[in-house]
Amino acid sequence: VTATVDAIGETGVDRVVVSGGVSANVRLRERMAEIGDELGVTVVFPRFGLCTDNAAMIVRAGWSRLAAGADDGFALQATADLPFGAPWVG
């Protein structure tokens, strides 16, 4: 929630979509709705049946790359906690 509040402040958006598997989290929905009310931002959530985990998509994309012979090995430098607004250099 804090990262989303920071992003709203940086971008000035007036609508946020909470999606993916995490959007099934009831407490997250409550907090995001509260924050939306406080900041005057529309927060949109999918129906629970549509709150699928992105991992399936990542596996599918990775499987296609692996089948085509692509392999980044252990040299891939992913950054899961990259701060909002920081440039990503691949």
PDB file of N, CA and C in Angstrom:
ATOM      1  N   VAL A   1       0.830  -1.189   0.000  1.00  0.00           N
ATOM      2  CA  VAL A   1       0.000   0.000   0.000  1.00  0.00           C
ATOM      3  C   VAL A   1       0.875   1.253   0.000  1.00  0.00           C
ATOM      4  N   THR A   2       1.926   1.237   0.781  1.00  0.00           N
ATOM      5  CA  THR A   2       2.818   2.398   0.852  1.00  0.00           C
ATOM      6  C   THR A   2       3.440   2.704  -0.505  1.00  0.00           C
ATOM      7  N   ALA A   3       3.896   1.682  -1.198  1.00  0.00           N
ATOM      8  CA  ALA A   3       4.499   1.888  -2.523  1.00  0.00           C
ATOM      9  C   ALA A   3       3.470   2.459  -3.498  1.00  0.00           C
ATOM     10  N   THR A   4       2.240   2.017  -3.389  1.00  0.00           N
ATOM     11  CA  THR A   4       1.186   2.533  -4.276  1.00  0.00           C
ATOM     12  C   THR A   4       0.884   3.984  -3.953  1.00  0.00           C
ATOM     13  N   VAL A   5       0.843   4.328  -2.675  1.00  0.00           N
ATOM     14  CA  VAL A   5       0.626   5.723  -2.271  1.00  0.00           C
ATOM     15  C   VAL A   5       1.758   6.595  -2.821  1.00  0.00           C
ATOM     16  N   ASP A   6       2.995   6.117  -2.714  1.00  0.00           N
ATOM     17  CA  ASP A   6       4.133   6.855  -3.264  1.00  0.00           C
ATOM     18  C   ASP A   6       3.984   7.051  -4.768  1.00  0.00           C
ATOM     19  N   ALA A   7       3.580   5.999  -5.462  1.00  0.00           N
ATOM     20  CA  ALA A   7       3.412   6.075  -6.917  1.00  0.00           C
ATOM     21  C   ALA A   7       2.307   7.049  -7.294  1.00  0.00           C
ATOM     22  N   ILE A   8       1.227   7.061  -6.534  1.00  0.00           N
ATOM     23  CA  ILE A   8       0.135   8.014  -6.782  1.00  0.00           C
ATOM     24  C   ILE A   8       0.657   9.441  -6.626  1.00  0.00           C
ATOM     25  N   GLY A   9       1.431   9.667  -5.566  1.00  0.00           N
ATOM     26  CA  GLY A   9       1.995  10.994  -5.343  1.00  0.00           C
ATOM     27  C   GLY A   9       2.940  11.424  -6.442  1.00  0.00           C
ATOM     28  N   GLU A  10       3.733  10.479  -6.955  1.00  0.00           N
ATOM     29  CA  GLU A  10       4.695  10.786  -8.012  1.00  0.00           C
ATOM     30  C   GLU A  10       4.025  11.040  -9.355  1.00  0.00           C
ATOM     31  N   THR A  11       2.965  10.307  -9.640  1.00  0.00           N
ATOM     32  CA  THR A  11       2.355  10.362 -10.970  1.00  0.00           C
ATOM     33  C   THR A  11       1.105  11.226 -11.051  1.00  0.00           C
ATOM     34  N   GLY A  12       0.415  11.378  -9.925  1.00  0.00           N
ATOM     35  CA  GLY A  12      -0.819  12.151  -9.932  1.00  0.00           C
ATOM     36  C   GLY A  12      -1.991  11.435 -10.584  1.00  0.00           C
ATOM     37  N   VAL A  13      -1.904  10.128 -10.726  1.00  0.00           N
ATOM     38  CA  VAL A  13      -3.010   9.383 -11.339  1.00  0.00           C
ATOM     39  C   VAL A  13      -4.271   9.508 -10.496  1.00  0.00           C
ATOM     40  N   ASP A  14      -5.410   9.298 -11.128  1.00  0.00           N
ATOM     41  CA  ASP A  14      -6.669   9.374 -10.386  1.00  0.00           C
ATOM     42  C   ASP A  14      -7.392   8.036 -10.339  1.00  0.00           C
ATOM     43  N   ARG A  15      -6.735   6.980 -10.870  1.00  0.00           N
ATOM     44  CA  ARG A  15      -7.323   5.639 -10.839  1.00  0.00           C
ATOM     45  C   ARG A  15      -6.215   4.613 -10.703  1.00  0.00           C
ATOM     46  N   VAL A  16      -6.454   3.613  -9.835  1.00  0.00           N
ATOM     47  CA  VAL A  16      -5.491   2.537  -9.619  1.00  0.00           C
ATOM     48  C   VAL A  16      -6.226   1.215  -9.774  1.00  0.00           C
ATOM     49  N   VAL A  17      -5.616   0.289 -10.496  1.00  0.00           N
ATOM     50  CA  VAL A  17      -6.160  -1.053 -10.637  1.00  0.00           C
ATOM     51  C   VAL A  17      -5.296  -1.999  -9.820  1.00  0.00           C
ATOM     52  N   VAL A  18      -5.910  -2.710  -8.895  1.00  0.00           N
ATOM     53  CA  VAL A  18      -5.209  -3.721  -8.103  1.00  0.00           C
ATOM     54  C   VAL A  18      -5.556  -5.058  -8.745  1.00  0.00           C
ATOM     55  N   SER A  19      -4.540  -5.766  -9.275  1.00  0.00           N
ATOM     56  CA  SER A  19      -4.832  -6.994 -10.013  1.00  0.00           C
ATOM     57  C   SER A  19      -3.823  -8.082  -9.672  1.00  0.00           C
ATOM     58  N   GLY A  20      -3.987  -9.219 -10.304  1.00  0.00           N
ATOM     59  CA  GLY A  20      -3.124 -10.367 -10.053  1.00  0.00           C
ATOM     60  C   GLY A  20      -3.577 -11.130  -8.818  1.00  0.00           C
ATOM     61  N   GLY A  21      -2.815 -12.114  -8.445  1.00  0.00           N
ATOM     62  CA  GLY A  21      -3.175 -12.958  -7.316  1.00  0.00           C
ATOM     63  C   GLY A  21      -3.336 -12.194  -6.022  1.00  0.00           C
ATOM     64  N   VAL A  22      -2.517 -11.159  -5.823  1.00  0.00           N
ATOM     65  CA  VAL A  22      -2.566 -10.378  -4.587  1.00  0.00           C
ATOM     66  C   VAL A  22      -3.910  -9.663  -4.423  1.00  0.00           C
ATOM     67  N   SER A  23      -4.605  -9.420  -5.524  1.00  0.00           N
ATOM     68  CA  SER A  23      -5.877  -8.694  -5.431  1.00  0.00           C
ATOM     69  C   SER A  23      -6.979  -9.513  -4.762  1.00  0.00           C
ATOM     70  N   ALA A  24      -6.717 -10.781  -4.483  1.00  0.00           N
ATOM     71  CA  ALA A  24      -7.679 -11.598  -3.740  1.00  0.00           C
ATOM     72  C   ALA A  24      -7.553 -11.385  -2.233  1.00  0.00           C
ATOM     73  N   ASN A  25      -6.529 -10.668  -1.804  1.00  0.00           N
ATOM     74  CA  ASN A  25      -6.298 -10.428  -0.385  1.00  0.00           C
ATOM     75  C   ASN A  25      -7.316  -9.413   0.136  1.00  0.00           C
ATOM     76  N   VAL A  26      -8.195  -9.861   1.027  1.00  0.00           N
ATOM     77  CA  VAL A  26      -9.284  -9.021   1.525  1.00  0.00           C
ATOM     78  C   VAL A  26      -8.762  -7.803   2.280  1.00  0.00           C
ATOM     79  N   ARG A  27      -7.754  -7.978   3.095  1.00  0.00           N
ATOM     80  CA  ARG A  27      -7.211  -6.846   3.861  1.00  0.00           C
ATOM     81  C   ARG A  27      -6.584  -5.810   2.921  1.00  0.00           C
ATOM     82  N   LEU A  28      -5.895  -6.282   1.887  1.00  0.00           N
ATOM     83  CA  LEU A  28      -5.323  -5.366   0.912  1.00  0.00           C
ATOM     84  C   LEU A  28      -6.436  -4.566   0.234  1.00  0.00           C
ATOM     85  N   ARG A  29      -7.512  -5.221  -0.120  1.00  0.00           N
ATOM     86  CA  ARG A  29      -8.638  -4.521  -0.741  1.00  0.00           C
ATOM     87  C   ARG A  29      -9.187  -3.438   0.190  1.00  0.00           C
ATOM     88  N   GLU A  30      -9.327  -3.789   1.464  1.00  0.00           N
ATOM     89  CA  GLU A  30      -9.836  -2.814   2.439  1.00  0.00           C
ATOM     90  C   GLU A  30      -8.921  -1.596   2.530  1.00  0.00           C
ATOM     91  N   ARG A  31      -7.616  -1.849   2.692  1.00  0.00           N
ATOM     92  CA  ARG A  31      -6.648  -0.745   2.833  1.00  0.00           C
ATOM     93  C   ARG A  31      -6.569   0.110   1.579  1.00  0.00           C
ATOM     94  N   MET A  32      -6.577  -0.533   0.416  1.00  0.00           N
ATOM     95  CA  MET A  32      -6.513   0.229  -0.827  1.00  0.00           C
ATOM     96  C   MET A  32      -7.771   1.061  -1.031  1.00  0.00           C
ATOM     97  N   ALA A  33      -8.915   0.529  -0.664  1.00  0.00           N
ATOM     98  CA  ALA A  33     -10.161   1.301  -0.761  1.00  0.00           C
ATOM     99  C   ALA A  33     -10.106   2.501   0.179  1.00  0.00           C
ATOM    100  N   GLU A  34      -9.588   2.291   1.394  1.00  0.00           N
ATOM    101  CA  GLU A  34      -9.444   3.397   2.352  1.00  0.00           C
ATOM    102  C   GLU A  34      -8.516   4.477   1.803  1.00  0.00           C
ATOM    103  N   ILE A  35      -7.381   4.052   1.278  1.00  0.00           N
ATOM    104  CA  ILE A  35      -6.413   4.996   0.716  1.00  0.00           C
ATOM    105  C   ILE A  35      -7.026   5.745  -0.463  1.00  0.00           C
ATOM    106  N   GLY A  36      -7.757   5.026  -1.292  1.00  0.00           N
ATOM    107  CA  GLY A  36      -8.419   5.670  -2.425  1.00  0.00           C
ATOM    108  C   GLY A  36      -9.363   6.764  -1.961  1.00  0.00           C
ATOM    109  N   ASP A  37     -10.150   6.460  -0.922  1.00  0.00           N
ATOM    110  CA  ASP A  37     -11.069   7.460  -0.368  1.00  0.00           C
ATOM    111  C   ASP A  37     -10.305   8.662   0.185  1.00  0.00           C
ATOM    112  N   GLU A  38      -9.227   8.391   0.905  1.00  0.00           N
ATOM    113  CA  GLU A  38      -8.438   9.472   1.506  1.00  0.00           C
ATOM    114  C   GLU A  38      -7.800  10.380   0.459  1.00  0.00           C
ATOM    115  N   LEU A  39      -7.339   9.778  -0.645  1.00  0.00           N
ATOM    116  CA  LEU A  39      -6.612  10.534  -1.660  1.00  0.00           C
ATOM    117  C   LEU A  39      -7.488  10.989  -2.828  1.00  0.00           C
ATOM    118  N   GLY A  40      -8.752  10.574  -2.809  1.00  0.00           N
ATOM    119  CA  GLY A  40      -9.633  10.930  -3.920  1.00  0.00           C
ATOM    120  C   GLY A  40      -9.286  10.193  -5.201  1.00  0.00           C
ATOM    121  N   VAL A  41      -8.813   8.961  -5.051  1.00  0.00           N
ATOM    122  CA  VAL A  41      -8.410   8.134  -6.189  1.00  0.00           C
ATOM    123  C   VAL A  41      -9.371   6.960  -6.305  1.00  0.00           C
ATOM    124  N   THR A  42      -9.812   6.673  -7.517  1.00  0.00           N
ATOM    125  CA  THR A  42     -10.655   5.505  -7.757  1.00  0.00           C
ATOM    126  C   THR A  42      -9.780   4.263  -7.730  1.00  0.00           C
ATOM    127  N   VAL A  43     -10.150   3.281  -6.910  1.00  0.00           N
ATOM    128  CA  VAL A  43      -9.410   2.027  -6.845  1.00  0.00           C
ATOM    129  C   VAL A  43     -10.329   0.926  -7.360  1.00  0.00           C
ATOM    130  N   VAL A  44      -9.839   0.179  -8.339  1.00  0.00           N
ATOM    131  CA  VAL A  44     -10.638  -0.846  -9.011  1.00  0.00           C
ATOM    132  C   VAL A  44     -10.043  -2.219  -8.732  1.00  0.00           C
ATOM    133  N   PHE A  45     -10.922  -3.184  -8.452  1.00  0.00           N
ATOM    134  CA  PHE A  45     -10.511  -4.568  -8.191  1.00  0.00           C
ATOM    135  C   PHE A  45     -11.280  -5.508  -9.122  1.00  0.00           C
ATOM    136  N   PRO A  46     -10.653  -6.582  -9.584  1.00  0.00           N
ATOM    137  CA  PRO A  46     -11.389  -7.581 -10.356  1.00  0.00           C
ATOM    138  C   PRO A  46     -12.252  -8.441  -9.428  1.00  0.00           C
ATOM    139  N   ARG A  47     -13.205  -9.135 -10.000  1.00  0.00           N
ATOM    140  CA  ARG A  47     -13.964 -10.123  -9.214  1.00  0.00           C
ATOM    141  C   ARG A  47     -12.973 -11.162  -8.688  1.00  0.00           C
ATOM    142  N   PHE A  48     -13.297 -11.772  -7.559  1.00  0.00           N
ATOM    143  CA  PHE A  48     -12.377 -12.744  -6.952  1.00  0.00           C
ATOM    144  C   PHE A  48     -12.017 -13.878  -7.908  1.00  0.00           C
ATOM    145  N   GLY A  49     -12.961 -14.307  -8.716  1.00  0.00           N
ATOM    146  CA  GLY A  49     -12.694 -15.392  -9.660  1.00  0.00           C
ATOM    147  C   GLY A  49     -11.676 -15.033 -10.729  1.00  0.00           C
ATOM    148  N   LEU A  50     -11.393 -13.749 -10.885  1.00  0.00           N
ATOM    149  CA  LEU A  50     -10.424 -13.300 -11.880  1.00  0.00           C
ATOM    150  C   LEU A  50      -9.082 -12.926 -11.265  1.00  0.00           C
ATOM    151  N   CYS A  51      -8.920 -13.162  -9.984  1.00  0.00           N
ATOM    152  CA  CYS A  51      -7.679 -12.810  -9.282  1.00  0.00           C
ATOM    153  C   CYS A  51      -6.681 -13.951  -9.414  1.00  0.00           C
ATOM    154  N   THR A  52      -6.126 -14.093 -10.593  1.00  0.00           N
ATOM    155  CA  THR A  52      -5.194 -15.193 -10.825  1.00  0.00           C
ATOM    156  C   THR A  52      -3.761 -14.752 -10.552  1.00  0.00           C
ATOM    157  N   ASP A  53      -2.950 -15.718 -10.246  1.00  0.00           N
ATOM    158  CA  ASP A  53      -1.552 -15.458  -9.936  1.00  0.00           C
ATOM    159  C   ASP A  53      -0.765 -15.265 -11.226  1.00  0.00           C
ATOM    160  N   ASN A  54       0.077 -14.258 -11.267  1.00  0.00           N
ATOM    161  CA  ASN A  54       0.894 -13.981 -12.446  1.00  0.00           C
ATOM    162  C   ASN A  54       1.951 -15.056 -12.692  1.00  0.00           C
ATOM    163  N   ALA A  55       2.197 -15.898 -11.714  1.00  0.00           N
ATOM    164  CA  ALA A  55       3.240 -16.911 -11.870  1.00  0.00           C
ATOM    165  C   ALA A  55       2.961 -17.819 -13.058  1.00  0.00           C
ATOM    166  N   ALA A  56       1.692 -18.141 -13.314  1.00  0.00           N
ATOM    167  CA  ALA A  56       1.360 -19.003 -14.449  1.00  0.00           C
ATOM    168  C   ALA A  56       1.781 -18.342 -15.762  1.00  0.00           C
ATOM    169  N   MET A  57       1.581 -17.044 -15.874  1.00  0.00           N
ATOM    170  CA  MET A  57       1.977 -16.322 -17.076  1.00  0.00           C
ATOM    171  C   MET A  57       3.505 -16.328 -17.228  1.00  0.00           C
ATOM    172  N   ILE A  58       4.202 -16.121 -16.134  1.00  0.00           N
ATOM    173  CA  ILE A  58       5.660 -16.092 -16.176  1.00  0.00           C
ATOM    174  C   ILE A  58       6.211 -17.462 -16.571  1.00  0.00           C
ATOM    175  N   VAL A  59       5.640 -18.518 -16.009  1.00  0.00           N
ATOM    176  CA  VAL A  59       6.082 -19.868 -16.363  1.00  0.00           C
ATOM    177  C   VAL A  59       5.857 -20.124 -17.850  1.00  0.00           C
ATOM    178  N   ARG A  60       4.698 -19.716 -18.349  1.00  0.00           N
ATOM    179  CA  ARG A  60       4.394 -19.937 -19.774  1.00  0.00           C
ATOM    180  C   ARG A  60       5.395 -19.177 -20.652  1.00  0.00           C
ATOM    181  N   ALA A  61       5.668 -17.941 -20.328  1.00  0.00           N
ATOM    182  CA  ALA A  61       6.614 -17.154 -21.110  1.00  0.00           C
ATOM    183  C   ALA A  61       8.020 -17.763 -21.028  1.00  0.00           C
ATOM    184  N   GLY A  62       8.409 -18.181 -19.842  1.00  0.00           N
ATOM    185  CA  GLY A  62       9.730 -18.784 -19.656  1.00  0.00           C
ATOM    186  C   GLY A  62       9.862 -20.116 -20.381  1.00  0.00           C
ATOM    187  N   TRP A  63       8.807 -20.902 -20.342  1.00  0.00           N
ATOM    188  CA  TRP A  63       8.829 -22.204 -21.007  1.00  0.00           C
ATOM    189  C   TRP A  63       9.040 -22.027 -22.512  1.00  0.00           C
ATOM    190  N   SER A  64       8.373 -21.052 -23.101  1.00  0.00           N
ATOM    191  CA  SER A  64       8.538 -20.794 -24.538  1.00  0.00           C
ATOM    192  C   SER A  64       9.974 -20.391 -24.848  1.00  0.00           C
ATOM    193  N   ARG A  65      10.561 -19.559 -24.011  1.00  0.00           N
ATOM    194  CA  ARG A  65      11.952 -19.129 -24.217  1.00  0.00           C
ATOM    195  C   ARG A  65      12.906 -20.317 -24.068  1.00  0.00           C
ATOM    196  N   LEU A  66      12.686 -21.124 -23.033  1.00  0.00           N
ATOM    197  CA  LEU A  66      13.544 -22.277 -22.805  1.00  0.00           C
ATOM    198  C   LEU A  66      13.445 -23.264 -23.968  1.00  0.00           C
ATOM    199  N   ALA A  67      12.226 -23.518 -24.443  1.00  0.00           N
ATOM    200  CA  ALA A  67      12.018 -24.429 -25.564  1.00  0.00           C
ATOM    201  C   ALA A  67      12.698 -23.922 -26.827  1.00  0.00           C
ATOM    202  N   ALA A  68      12.831 -22.603 -26.956  1.00  0.00           N
ATOM    203  CA  ALA A  68      13.491 -22.008 -28.124  1.00  0.00           C
ATOM    204  C   ALA A  68      15.006 -21.947 -27.953  1.00  0.00           C
ATOM    205  N   GLY A  69      15.513 -22.431 -26.806  1.00  0.00           N
ATOM    206  CA  GLY A  69      16.950 -22.464 -26.584  1.00  0.00           C
ATOM    207  C   GLY A  69      17.514 -21.288 -25.797  1.00  0.00           C
ATOM    208  N   ALA A  70      16.656 -20.369 -25.373  1.00  0.00           N
ATOM    209  CA  ALA A  70      17.132 -19.227 -24.589  1.00  0.00           C
ATOM    210  C   ALA A  70      17.444 -19.680 -23.164  1.00  0.00           C
ATOM    211  N   ASP A  71      18.499 -19.147 -22.614  1.00  0.00           N
ATOM    212  CA  ASP A  71      18.880 -19.492 -21.243  1.00  0.00           C
ATOM    213  C   ASP A  71      19.718 -18.359 -20.675  1.00  0.00           C
ATOM    214  N   ASP A  72      19.167 -17.645 -19.721  1.00  0.00           N
ATOM    215  CA  ASP A  72      19.895 -16.553 -19.082  1.00  0.00           C
ATOM    216  C   ASP A  72      20.762 -17.063 -17.937  1.00  0.00           C
ATOM    217  N   GLY A  73      20.617 -18.333 -17.589  1.00  0.00           N
ATOM    218  CA  GLY A  73      21.412 -18.926 -16.528  1.00  0.00           C
ATOM    219  C   GLY A  73      21.300 -18.140 -15.232  1.00  0.00           C
ATOM    220  N   PHE A  74      22.362 -18.130 -14.497  1.00  0.00           N
ATOM    221  CA  PHE A  74      22.359 -17.412 -13.226  1.00  0.00           C
ATOM    222  C   PHE A  74      22.911 -15.997 -13.369  1.00  0.00           C
ATOM    223  N   ALA A  75      23.174 -15.571 -14.591  1.00  0.00           N
ATOM    224  CA  ALA A  75      23.707 -14.236 -14.833  1.00  0.00           C
ATOM    225  C   ALA A  75      22.617 -13.169 -14.800  1.00  0.00           C
ATOM    226  N   LEU A  76      21.374 -13.581 -14.883  1.00  0.00           N
ATOM    227  CA  LEU A  76      20.256 -12.641 -14.868  1.00  0.00           C
ATOM    228  C   LEU A  76      20.242 -11.917 -13.530  1.00  0.00           C
ATOM    229  N   GLN A  77      20.167 -10.591 -13.563  1.00  0.00           N
ATOM    230  CA  GLN A  77      20.215  -9.806 -12.337  1.00  0.00           C
ATOM    231  C   GLN A  77      18.869  -9.131 -12.098  1.00  0.00           C
ATOM    232  N   ALA A  78      17.909  -9.895 -11.600  1.00  0.00           N
ATOM    233  CA  ALA A  78      16.582  -9.362 -11.305  1.00  0.00           C
ATOM    234  C   ALA A  78      16.629  -8.583  -9.996  1.00  0.00           C
ATOM    235  N   THR A  79      15.833  -7.527  -9.918  1.00  0.00           N
ATOM    236  CA  THR A  79      15.751  -6.713  -8.712  1.00  0.00           C
ATOM    237  C   THR A  79      14.291  -6.621  -8.292  1.00  0.00           C
ATOM    238  N   ALA A  80      13.916  -7.425  -7.314  1.00  0.00           N
ATOM    239  CA  ALA A  80      12.526  -7.481  -6.888  1.00  0.00           C
ATOM    240  C   ALA A  80      12.099  -6.258  -6.088  1.00  0.00           C
ATOM    241  N   ASP A  81      13.043  -5.532  -5.512  1.00  0.00           N
ATOM    242  CA  ASP A  81      12.683  -4.399  -4.660  1.00  0.00           C
ATOM    243  C   ASP A  81      13.185  -3.067  -5.236  1.00  0.00           C
ATOM    244  N   LEU A  82      13.183  -2.959  -6.559  1.00  0.00           N
ATOM    245  CA  LEU A  82      13.600  -1.721  -7.215  1.00  0.00           C
ATOM    246  C   LEU A  82      12.670  -0.587  -6.788  1.00  0.00           C
ATOM    247  N   PRO A  83      13.211   0.510  -6.296  1.00  0.00           N
ATOM    248  CA  PRO A  83      12.356   1.620  -5.844  1.00  0.00           C
ATOM    249  C   PRO A  83      11.550   2.221  -6.986  1.00  0.00           C
ATOM    250  N   PHE A  84      10.369   2.722  -6.677  1.00  0.00           N
ATOM    251  CA  PHE A  84       9.524   3.344  -7.685  1.00  0.00           C
ATOM    252  C   PHE A  84      10.267   4.501  -8.329  1.00  0.00           C
ATOM    253  N   GLY A  85      10.228   4.540  -9.647  1.00  0.00           N
ATOM    254  CA  GLY A  85      10.860   5.615 -10.382  1.00  0.00           C
ATOM    255  C   GLY A  85      12.310   5.380 -10.737  1.00  0.00           C
ATOM    256  N   ALA A  86      12.921   4.352 -10.151  1.00  0.00           N
ATOM    257  CA  ALA A  86      14.331   4.060 -10.464  1.00  0.00           C
ATOM    258  C   ALA A  86      14.416   3.434 -11.841  1.00  0.00           C
ATOM    259  N   PRO A  87      15.372   3.836 -12.642  1.00  0.00           N
ATOM    260  CA  PRO A  87      15.505   3.237 -13.976  1.00  0.00           C
ATOM    261  C   PRO A  87      16.000   1.803 -13.877  1.00  0.00           C
ATOM    262  N   TRP A  88      15.453   0.932 -14.704  1.00  0.00           N
ATOM    263  CA  TRP A  88      15.905  -0.438 -14.758  1.00  0.00           C
ATOM    264  C   TRP A  88      16.887  -0.570 -15.904  1.00  0.00           C
ATOM    265  N   VAL A  89      18.026  -1.124 -15.627  1.00  0.00           N
ATOM    266  CA  VAL A  89      19.041  -1.328 -16.668  1.00  0.00           C
ATOM    267  C   VAL A  89      19.222  -2.819 -16.822  1.00  0.00           C
ATOM    268  N   GLY A  90      18.848  -3.357 -17.970  1.00  0.00           N
ATOM    269  CA  GLY A  90      18.905  -4.790 -18.196  1.00  0.00           C
ATOM    270  C   GLY A  90      20.173  -5.267 -18.802  1.00  0.00           C
TER     271      GLY A  90
END
